[in-house]
PDB file of N, CA and C in Angstrom:
ATOM      1  N   UNK A   1       0.839  -1.184   0.000  1.00  0.00           N
ATOM      2  CA  UNK A   1       0.000   0.000   0.000  1.00  0.00           C
ATOM      3  C   UNK A   1       0.886   1.250   0.000  1.00  0.00           C
ATOM      4  N   UNK A   2       0.512   2.229  -0.757  1.00  0.00           N
ATOM      5  CA  UNK A   2       1.280   3.465  -0.843  1.00  0.00           C
ATOM      6  C   UNK A   2       1.070   4.297   0.417  1.00  0.00           C
ATOM      7  N   UNK A   3       2.183   4.698   1.028  1.00  0.00           N
ATOM      8  CA  UNK A   3       2.140   5.618   2.158  1.00  0.00           C
ATOM      9  C   UNK A   3       2.521   6.989   1.607  1.00  0.00           C
ATOM     10  N   UNK A   4       1.548   7.888   1.435  1.00  0.00           N
ATOM     11  CA  UNK A   4       1.824   9.175   0.793  1.00  0.00           C
ATOM     12  C   UNK A   4       2.904   9.997   1.498  1.00  0.00           C
ATOM     13  N   UNK A   5       2.959   9.948   2.814  1.00  0.00           N
ATOM     14  CA  UNK A   5       3.972  10.705   3.553  1.00  0.00           C
ATOM     15  C   UNK A   5       5.371  10.194   3.200  1.00  0.00           C
ATOM     16  N   UNK A   6       5.539   8.889   3.164  1.00  0.00           N
ATOM     17  CA  UNK A   6       6.849   8.329   2.826  1.00  0.00           C
ATOM     18  C   UNK A   6       7.234   8.597   1.379  1.00  0.00           C
ATOM     19  N   UNK A   7       6.265   8.565   0.470  1.00  0.00           N
ATOM     20  CA  UNK A   7       6.572   8.844  -0.931  1.00  0.00           C
ATOM     21  C   UNK A   7       6.965  10.312  -1.085  1.00  0.00           C
ATOM     22  N   UNK A   8       6.262  11.214  -0.411  1.00  0.00           N
ATOM     23  CA  UNK A   8       6.662  12.626  -0.438  1.00  0.00           C
ATOM     24  C   UNK A   8       8.071  12.806   0.122  1.00  0.00           C
ATOM     25  N   UNK A   9       8.357  12.077   1.188  1.00  0.00           N
ATOM     26  CA  UNK A   9       9.699  12.125   1.774  1.00  0.00           C
ATOM     27  C   UNK A   9      10.731  11.637   0.752  1.00  0.00           C
ATOM     28  N   UNK A  10      10.410  10.553   0.049  1.00  0.00           N
ATOM     29  CA  UNK A  10      11.306  10.028  -0.974  1.00  0.00           C
ATOM     30  C   UNK A  10      11.496  10.984  -2.133  1.00  0.00           C
ATOM     31  N   UNK A  11      10.408  11.623  -2.582  1.00  0.00           N
ATOM     32  CA  UNK A  11      10.525  12.603  -3.662  1.00  0.00           C
ATOM     33  C   UNK A  11      11.381  13.785  -3.221  1.00  0.00           C
ATOM     34  N   UNK A  12      11.146  14.259  -2.008  1.00  0.00           N
ATOM     35  CA  UNK A  12      11.950  15.366  -1.491  1.00  0.00           C
ATOM     36  C   UNK A  12      13.429  14.984  -1.499  1.00  0.00           C
ATOM     37  N   UNK A  13      13.732  13.791  -1.011  1.00  0.00           N
ATOM     38  CA  UNK A  13      15.128  13.348  -0.955  1.00  0.00           C
ATOM     39  C   UNK A  13      15.731  13.167  -2.346  1.00  0.00           C
ATOM     40  N   UNK A  14      14.921  12.725  -3.302  1.00  0.00           N
ATOM     41  CA  UNK A  14      15.467  12.529  -4.651  1.00  0.00           C
ATOM     42  C   UNK A  14      15.740  13.850  -5.356  1.00  0.00           C
ATOM     43  N   UNK A  15      15.031  14.926  -4.969  1.00  0.00           N
ATOM     44  CA  UNK A  15      15.221  16.231  -5.600  1.00  0.00           C
ATOM     45  C   UNK A  15      16.185  17.137  -4.861  1.00  0.00           C
ATOM     46  N   UNK A  16      16.144  17.139  -3.531  1.00  0.00           N
ATOM     47  CA  UNK A  16      16.846  18.161  -2.766  1.00  0.00           C
ATOM     48  C   UNK A  16      17.979  17.660  -1.878  1.00  0.00           C
ATOM     49  N   UNK A  17      17.704  16.675  -1.048  1.00  0.00           N
ATOM     50  CA  UNK A  17      18.718  16.275  -0.088  1.00  0.00           C
ATOM     51  C   UNK A  17      18.591  14.790   0.237  1.00  0.00           C
ATOM     52  N   UNK A  18      19.699  14.114   0.186  1.00  0.00           N
ATOM     53  CA  UNK A  18      19.758  12.714   0.586  1.00  0.00           C
ATOM     54  C   UNK A  18      21.021  12.517   1.392  1.00  0.00           C
ATOM     55  N   UNK A  19      20.885  11.950   2.583  1.00  0.00           N
ATOM     56  CA  UNK A  19      22.050  11.667   3.407  1.00  0.00           C
ATOM     57  C   UNK A  19      22.851  10.532   2.779  1.00  0.00           C
ATOM     58  N   UNK A  20      24.090  10.420   3.143  1.00  0.00           N
ATOM     59  CA  UNK A  20      24.933   9.336   2.622  1.00  0.00           C
ATOM     60  C   UNK A  20      24.372   7.973   3.018  1.00  0.00           C
ATOM     61  N   UNK A  21      23.809   7.878   4.233  1.00  0.00           N
ATOM     62  CA  UNK A  21      23.223   6.611   4.685  1.00  0.00           C
ATOM     63  C   UNK A  21      22.030   6.218   3.817  1.00  0.00           C
ATOM     64  N   UNK A  22      21.184   7.205   3.501  1.00  0.00           N
ATOM     65  CA  UNK A  22      20.015   6.933   2.658  1.00  0.00           C
ATOM     66  C   UNK A  22      20.446   6.563   1.240  1.00  0.00           C
ATOM     67  N   UNK A  23      21.483   7.208   0.720  1.00  0.00           N
ATOM     68  CA  UNK A  23      21.987   6.873  -0.623  1.00  0.00           C
ATOM     69  C   UNK A  23      22.494   5.442  -0.657  1.00  0.00           C
ATOM     70  N   UNK A  24      23.248   5.049   0.358  1.00  0.00           N
ATOM     71  CA  UNK A  24      23.792   3.690   0.416  1.00  0.00           C
ATOM     72  C   UNK A  24      22.664   2.665   0.500  1.00  0.00           C
ATOM     73  N   UNK A  25      21.699   2.921   1.376  1.00  0.00           N
ATOM     74  CA  UNK A  25      20.553   2.016   1.516  1.00  0.00           C
ATOM     75  C   UNK A  25      19.785   1.922   0.201  1.00  0.00           C
ATOM     76  N   UNK A  26      19.559   3.061  -0.446  1.00  0.00           N
ATOM     77  CA  UNK A  26      18.847   3.089  -1.713  1.00  0.00           C
ATOM     78  C   UNK A  26      19.572   2.259  -2.774  1.00  0.00           C
ATOM     79  N   UNK A  27      20.876   2.406  -2.861  1.00  0.00           N
ATOM     80  CA  UNK A  27      21.651   1.647  -3.846  1.00  0.00           C
ATOM     81  C   UNK A  27      21.526   0.145  -3.609  1.00  0.00           C
ATOM     82  N   UNK A  28      21.563  -0.272  -2.351  1.00  0.00           N
ATOM     83  CA  UNK A  28      21.401  -1.697  -2.031  1.00  0.00           C
ATOM     84  C   UNK A  28      20.019  -2.185  -2.449  1.00  0.00           C
ATOM     85  N   UNK A  29      19.010  -1.401  -2.147  1.00  0.00           N
ATOM     86  CA  UNK A  29      17.640  -1.778  -2.497  1.00  0.00           C
ATOM     87  C   UNK A  29      17.423  -1.794  -4.005  1.00  0.00           C
ATOM     88  N   UNK A  30      17.958  -0.796  -4.701  1.00  0.00           N
ATOM     89  CA  UNK A  30      17.778  -0.729  -6.155  1.00  0.00           C
ATOM     90  C   UNK A  30      18.464  -1.882  -6.869  1.00  0.00           C
ATOM     91  N   UNK A  31      19.550  -2.376  -6.313  1.00  0.00           N
ATOM     92  CA  UNK A  31      20.230  -3.546  -6.884  1.00  0.00           C
ATOM     93  C   UNK A  31      19.283  -4.747  -6.876  1.00  0.00           C
ATOM     94  N   UNK A  32      18.533  -4.912  -5.804  1.00  0.00           N
ATOM     95  CA  UNK A  32      17.544  -5.989  -5.704  1.00  0.00           C
ATOM     96  C   UNK A  32      16.425  -5.758  -6.722  1.00  0.00           C
ATOM     97  N   UNK A  33      15.968  -4.514  -6.816  1.00  0.00           N
ATOM     98  CA  UNK A  33      14.848  -4.182  -7.703  1.00  0.00           C
ATOM     99  C   UNK A  33      15.187  -4.364  -9.183  1.00  0.00           C
ATOM    100  N   UNK A  34      16.437  -4.218  -9.533  1.00  0.00           N
ATOM    101  CA  UNK A  34      16.830  -4.373 -10.955  1.00  0.00           C
ATOM    102  C   UNK A  34      16.481  -5.755 -11.495  1.00  0.00           C
ATOM    103  N   UNK A  35      16.485  -6.753 -10.629  1.00  0.00           N
ATOM    104  CA  UNK A  35      16.211  -8.126 -11.052  1.00  0.00           C
ATOM    105  C   UNK A  35      14.840  -8.620 -10.618  1.00  0.00           C
ATOM    106  N   UNK A  36      14.017  -7.733 -10.106  1.00  0.00           N
ATOM    107  CA  UNK A  36      12.720  -8.134  -9.570  1.00  0.00           C
ATOM    108  C   UNK A  36      11.664  -8.210 -10.670  1.00  0.00           C
ATOM    109  N   UNK A  37      10.895  -9.292 -10.718  1.00  0.00           N
ATOM    110  CA  UNK A  37       9.836  -9.397 -11.731  1.00  0.00           C
ATOM    111  C   UNK A  37       8.676  -8.432 -11.486  1.00  0.00           C
ATOM    112  N   UNK A  38       8.594  -7.850 -10.293  1.00  0.00           N
ATOM    113  CA  UNK A  38       7.515  -6.909  -9.973  1.00  0.00           C
ATOM    114  C   UNK A  38       7.879  -5.467 -10.315  1.00  0.00           C
ATOM    115  N   UNK A  39       9.099  -5.217 -10.764  1.00  0.00           N
ATOM    116  CA  UNK A  39       9.524  -3.869 -11.166  1.00  0.00           C
ATOM    117  C   UNK A  39       9.065  -3.645 -12.608  1.00  0.00           C
ATOM    118  N   UNK A  40       8.134  -2.718 -12.781  1.00  0.00           N
ATOM    119  CA  UNK A  40       7.555  -2.448 -14.094  1.00  0.00           C
ATOM    120  C   UNK A  40       7.710  -0.969 -14.429  1.00  0.00           C
ATOM    121  N   UNK A  41       7.650  -0.643 -15.712  1.00  0.00           N
ATOM    122  CA  UNK A  41       7.727   0.751 -16.123  1.00  0.00           C
ATOM    123  C   UNK A  41       6.347   1.390 -15.975  1.00  0.00           C
ATOM    124  N   UNK A  42       6.351   2.597 -15.410  1.00  0.00           N
ATOM    125  CA  UNK A  42       5.099   3.303 -15.152  1.00  0.00           C
ATOM    126  C   UNK A  42       5.353   4.799 -15.283  1.00  0.00           C
ATOM    127  N   UNK A  43       4.319   5.561 -15.594  1.00  0.00           N
ATOM    128  CA  UNK A  43       4.450   7.016 -15.696  1.00  0.00           C
ATOM    129  C   UNK A  43       3.974   7.673 -14.404  1.00  0.00           C
ATOM    130  N   UNK A  44       4.743   8.670 -13.959  1.00  0.00           N
ATOM    131  CA  UNK A  44       4.389   9.459 -12.783  1.00  0.00           C
ATOM    132  C   UNK A  44       4.523  10.930 -13.134  1.00  0.00           C
ATOM    133  N   UNK A  45       3.700  11.750 -12.515  1.00  0.00           N
ATOM    134  CA  UNK A  45       3.822  13.187 -12.669  1.00  0.00           C
ATOM    135  C   UNK A  45       4.890  13.658 -11.694  1.00  0.00           C
ATOM    136  N   UNK A  46       5.935  14.285 -12.219  1.00  0.00           N
ATOM    137  CA  UNK A  46       7.028  14.782 -11.385  1.00  0.00           C
ATOM    138  C   UNK A  46       7.257  16.248 -11.708  1.00  0.00           C
ATOM    139  N   UNK A  47       7.840  16.926 -10.770  1.00  0.00           N
ATOM    140  CA  UNK A  47       8.103  18.349 -10.944  1.00  0.00           C
ATOM    141  C   UNK A  47       9.586  18.554 -11.180  1.00  0.00           C
ATOM    142  N   UNK A  48       9.917  19.138 -12.310  1.00  0.00           N
ATOM    143  CA  UNK A  48      11.298  19.406 -12.711  1.00  0.00           C
ATOM    144  C   UNK A  48      11.390  20.860 -13.146  1.00  0.00           C
ATOM    145  N   UNK A  49      12.277  21.601 -12.515  1.00  0.00           N
ATOM    146  CA  UNK A  49      12.536  22.994 -12.888  1.00  0.00           C
ATOM    147  C   UNK A  49      11.244  23.797 -13.076  1.00  0.00           C
ATOM    148  N   UNK A  50      10.422  23.812 -12.042  1.00  0.00           N
ATOM    149  CA  UNK A  50       9.193  24.612 -11.985  1.00  0.00           C
ATOM    150  C   UNK A  50       8.108  24.209 -12.987  1.00  0.00           C
ATOM    151  N   UNK A  51       8.143  22.979 -13.466  1.00  0.00           N
ATOM    152  CA  UNK A  51       7.064  22.517 -14.328  1.00  0.00           C
ATOM    153  C   UNK A  51       6.765  21.047 -14.046  1.00  0.00           C
ATOM    154  N   UNK A  52       5.533  20.673 -14.258  1.00  0.00           N
ATOM    155  CA  UNK A  52       5.109  19.292 -14.085  1.00  0.00           C
ATOM    156  C   UNK A  52       5.395  18.527 -15.374  1.00  0.00           C
ATOM    157  N   UNK A  53       6.018  17.375 -15.216  1.00  0.00           N
ATOM    158  CA  UNK A  53       6.403  16.558 -16.363  1.00  0.00           C
ATOM    159  C   UNK A  53       6.000  15.113 -16.085  1.00  0.00           C
ATOM    160  N   UNK A  54       5.407  14.473 -17.077  1.00  0.00           N
ATOM    161  CA  UNK A  54       5.116  13.051 -16.933  1.00  0.00           C
ATOM    162  C   UNK A  54       6.399  12.291 -17.260  1.00  0.00           C
ATOM    163  N   UNK A  55       6.841  11.489 -16.317  1.00  0.00           N
ATOM    164  CA  UNK A  55       8.120  10.803 -16.460  1.00  0.00           C
ATOM    165  C   UNK A  55       7.926   9.307 -16.274  1.00  0.00           C
ATOM    166  N   UNK A  56       8.507   8.529 -17.180  1.00  0.00           N
ATOM    167  CA  UNK A  56       8.468   7.077 -17.043  1.00  0.00           C
ATOM    168  C   UNK A  56       9.614   6.649 -16.138  1.00  0.00           C
ATOM    169  N   UNK A  57       9.281   5.772 -15.214  1.00  0.00           N
ATOM    170  CA  UNK A  57      10.274   5.262 -14.277  1.00  0.00           C
ATOM    171  C   UNK A  57       9.818   3.885 -13.806  1.00  0.00           C
ATOM    172  N   UNK A  58      10.632   3.216 -13.060  1.00  0.00           N
ATOM    173  CA  UNK A  58      10.265   1.904 -12.529  1.00  0.00           C
ATOM    174  C   UNK A  58       9.384   2.072 -11.296  1.00  0.00           C
ATOM    175  N   UNK A  59       8.386   1.203 -11.210  1.00  0.00           N
ATOM    176  CA  UNK A  59       7.483   1.175 -10.065  1.00  0.00           C
ATOM    177  C   UNK A  59       7.304  -0.274  -9.638  1.00  0.00           C
ATOM    178  N   UNK A  60       6.887  -0.440  -8.407  1.00  0.00           N
ATOM    179  CA  UNK A  60       6.614  -1.771  -7.897  1.00  0.00           C
ATOM    180  C   UNK A  60       5.194  -2.161  -8.290  1.00  0.00           C
ATOM    181  N   UNK A  61       5.065  -3.271  -8.982  1.00  0.00           N
ATOM    182  CA  UNK A  61       3.753  -3.734  -9.414  1.00  0.00           C
ATOM    183  C   UNK A  61       2.881  -4.142  -8.226  1.00  0.00           C
ATOM    184  N   UNK A  62       3.492  -4.590  -7.144  1.00  0.00           N
ATOM    185  CA  UNK A  62       2.731  -5.032  -5.970  1.00  0.00           C
ATOM    186  C   UNK A  62       2.094  -3.875  -5.210  1.00  0.00           C
ATOM    187  N   UNK A  63       2.840  -2.779  -5.003  1.00  0.00           N
ATOM    188  CA  UNK A  63       2.304  -1.679  -4.190  1.00  0.00           C
ATOM    189  C   UNK A  63       2.045  -0.408  -4.995  1.00  0.00           C
ATOM    190  N   UNK A  64       2.611  -0.295  -6.201  1.00  0.00           N
ATOM    191  CA  UNK A  64       2.400   0.875  -7.042  1.00  0.00           C
ATOM    192  C   UNK A  64       3.361   2.022  -6.805  1.00  0.00           C
ATOM    193  N   UNK A  65       4.272   1.875  -5.859  1.00  0.00           N
ATOM    194  CA  UNK A  65       5.197   2.961  -5.515  1.00  0.00           C
ATOM    195  C   UNK A  65       6.312   3.116  -6.548  1.00  0.00           C
ATOM    196  N   UNK A  66       6.745   4.354  -6.784  1.00  0.00           N
ATOM    197  CA  UNK A  66       7.936   4.571  -7.610  1.00  0.00           C
ATOM    198  C   UNK A  66       9.149   4.041  -6.830  1.00  0.00           C
ATOM    199  N   UNK A  67       9.914   3.175  -7.459  1.00  0.00           N
ATOM    200  CA  UNK A  67      10.975   2.449  -6.755  1.00  0.00           C
ATOM    201  C   UNK A  67      12.087   3.356  -6.251  1.00  0.00           C
ATOM    202  N   UNK A  68      12.540   4.298  -7.057  1.00  0.00           N
ATOM    203  CA  UNK A  68      13.649   5.152  -6.623  1.00  0.00           C
ATOM    204  C   UNK A  68      13.273   5.912  -5.357  1.00  0.00           C
ATOM    205  N   UNK A  69      12.105   6.539  -5.365  1.00  0.00           N
ATOM    206  CA  UNK A  69      11.686   7.312  -4.205  1.00  0.00           C
ATOM    207  C   UNK A  69      11.450   6.423  -2.991  1.00  0.00           C
ATOM    208  N   UNK A  70      10.828   5.277  -3.209  1.00  0.00           N
ATOM    209  CA  UNK A  70      10.554   4.346  -2.109  1.00  0.00           C
ATOM    210  C   UNK A  70      11.858   3.864  -1.482  1.00  0.00           C
ATOM    211  N   UNK A  71      12.859   3.616  -2.310  1.00  0.00           N
ATOM    212  CA  UNK A  71      14.127   3.077  -1.807  1.00  0.00           C
ATOM    213  C   UNK A  71      14.881   4.066  -0.919  1.00  0.00           C
ATOM    214  N   UNK A  72      14.563   5.358  -1.013  1.00  0.00           N
ATOM    215  CA  UNK A  72      15.245   6.387  -0.233  1.00  0.00           C
ATOM    216  C   UNK A  72      14.682   6.573   1.172  1.00  0.00           C
ATOM    217  N   UNK A  73      13.594   5.884   1.489  1.00  0.00           N
ATOM    218  CA  UNK A  73      12.939   6.062   2.787  1.00  0.00           C
ATOM    219  C   UNK A  73      13.177   4.818   3.643  1.00  0.00           C
ATOM    220  N   UNK A  74      13.909   5.008   4.737  1.00  0.00           N
ATOM    221  CA  UNK A  74      14.304   3.896   5.599  1.00  0.00           C
ATOM    222  C   UNK A  74      13.116   3.091   6.104  1.00  0.00           C
ATOM    223  N   UNK A  75      11.989   3.753   6.392  1.00  0.00           N
ATOM    224  CA  UNK A  75      10.818   3.083   6.958  1.00  0.00           C
ATOM    225  C   UNK A  75      10.077   2.205   5.960  1.00  0.00           C
ATOM    226  N   UNK A  76      10.325   2.410   4.685  1.00  0.00           N
ATOM    227  CA  UNK A  76       9.623   1.628   3.665  1.00  0.00           C
ATOM    228  C   UNK A  76      10.154   0.194   3.619  1.00  0.00           C
ATOM    229  N   UNK A  77       9.276  -0.714   3.237  1.00  0.00           N
ATOM    230  CA  UNK A  77       9.603  -2.131   3.114  1.00  0.00           C
ATOM    231  C   UNK A  77       9.210  -2.615   1.727  1.00  0.00           C
ATOM    232  N   UNK A  78       9.916  -3.602   1.248  1.00  0.00           N
ATOM    233  CA  UNK A  78       9.553  -4.241  -0.015  1.00  0.00           C
ATOM    234  C   UNK A  78       8.315  -5.111   0.227  1.00  0.00           C
ATOM    235  N   UNK A  79       7.259  -4.946  -0.585  1.00  0.00           N
ATOM    236  CA  UNK A  79       6.056  -5.749  -0.376  1.00  0.00           C
ATOM    237  C   UNK A  79       6.271  -7.242  -0.661  1.00  0.00           C
ATOM    238  N   UNK A  80       7.342  -7.582  -1.374  1.00  0.00           N
ATOM    239  CA  UNK A  80       7.677  -8.981  -1.625  1.00  0.00           C
ATOM    240  C   UNK A  80       8.748  -9.479  -0.655  1.00  0.00           C
ATOM    241  N   UNK A  81       9.102  -8.639   0.328  1.00  0.00           N
ATOM    242  CA  UNK A  81      10.113  -8.964   1.345  1.00  0.00           C
ATOM    243  C   UNK A  81      11.478  -9.322   0.742  1.00  0.00           C
ATOM    244  N   UNK A  82      11.888  -8.598  -0.293  1.00  0.00           N
ATOM    245  CA  UNK A  82      13.169  -8.864  -0.940  1.00  0.00           C
ATOM    246  C   UNK A  82      14.294  -7.978  -0.431  1.00  0.00           C
ATOM    247  N   UNK A  83      13.960  -6.865   0.218  1.00  0.00           N
ATOM    248  CA  UNK A  83      15.002  -5.987   0.765  1.00  0.00           C
ATOM    249  C   UNK A  83      15.483  -6.510   2.105  1.00  0.00           C
ATOM    250  N   UNK A  84      16.786  -6.482   2.347  1.00  0.00           N
ATOM    251  CA  UNK A  84      17.326  -6.924   3.634  1.00  0.00           C
ATOM    252  C   UNK A  84      17.036  -5.918   4.733  1.00  0.00           C
ATOM    253  N   UNK A  85      17.070  -4.618   4.371  1.00  0.00           N
ATOM    254  CA  UNK A  85      16.826  -3.556   5.366  1.00  0.00           C
ATOM    255  C   UNK A  85      15.615  -2.758   4.986  1.00  0.00           C
TER     256      UNK A  85
END
């Protein structure tokens, strides 16, 4: 299930600030997602340089979350239980 607060937190971190710990955790999680059968291409509305743009990116088919943003939030879990942390 999508947690809007965590996704907003992930979007904020992907655009403005990400701690080194969050970057490391995200990289570990994204490595798992690269080989996951539930990672599908999906379009999301994102804001880039003061304009809204529809952007294709990977999302989790099980929960619908954009994977990059989800991976940046420590509290988030993989719905297929594939992430170690």
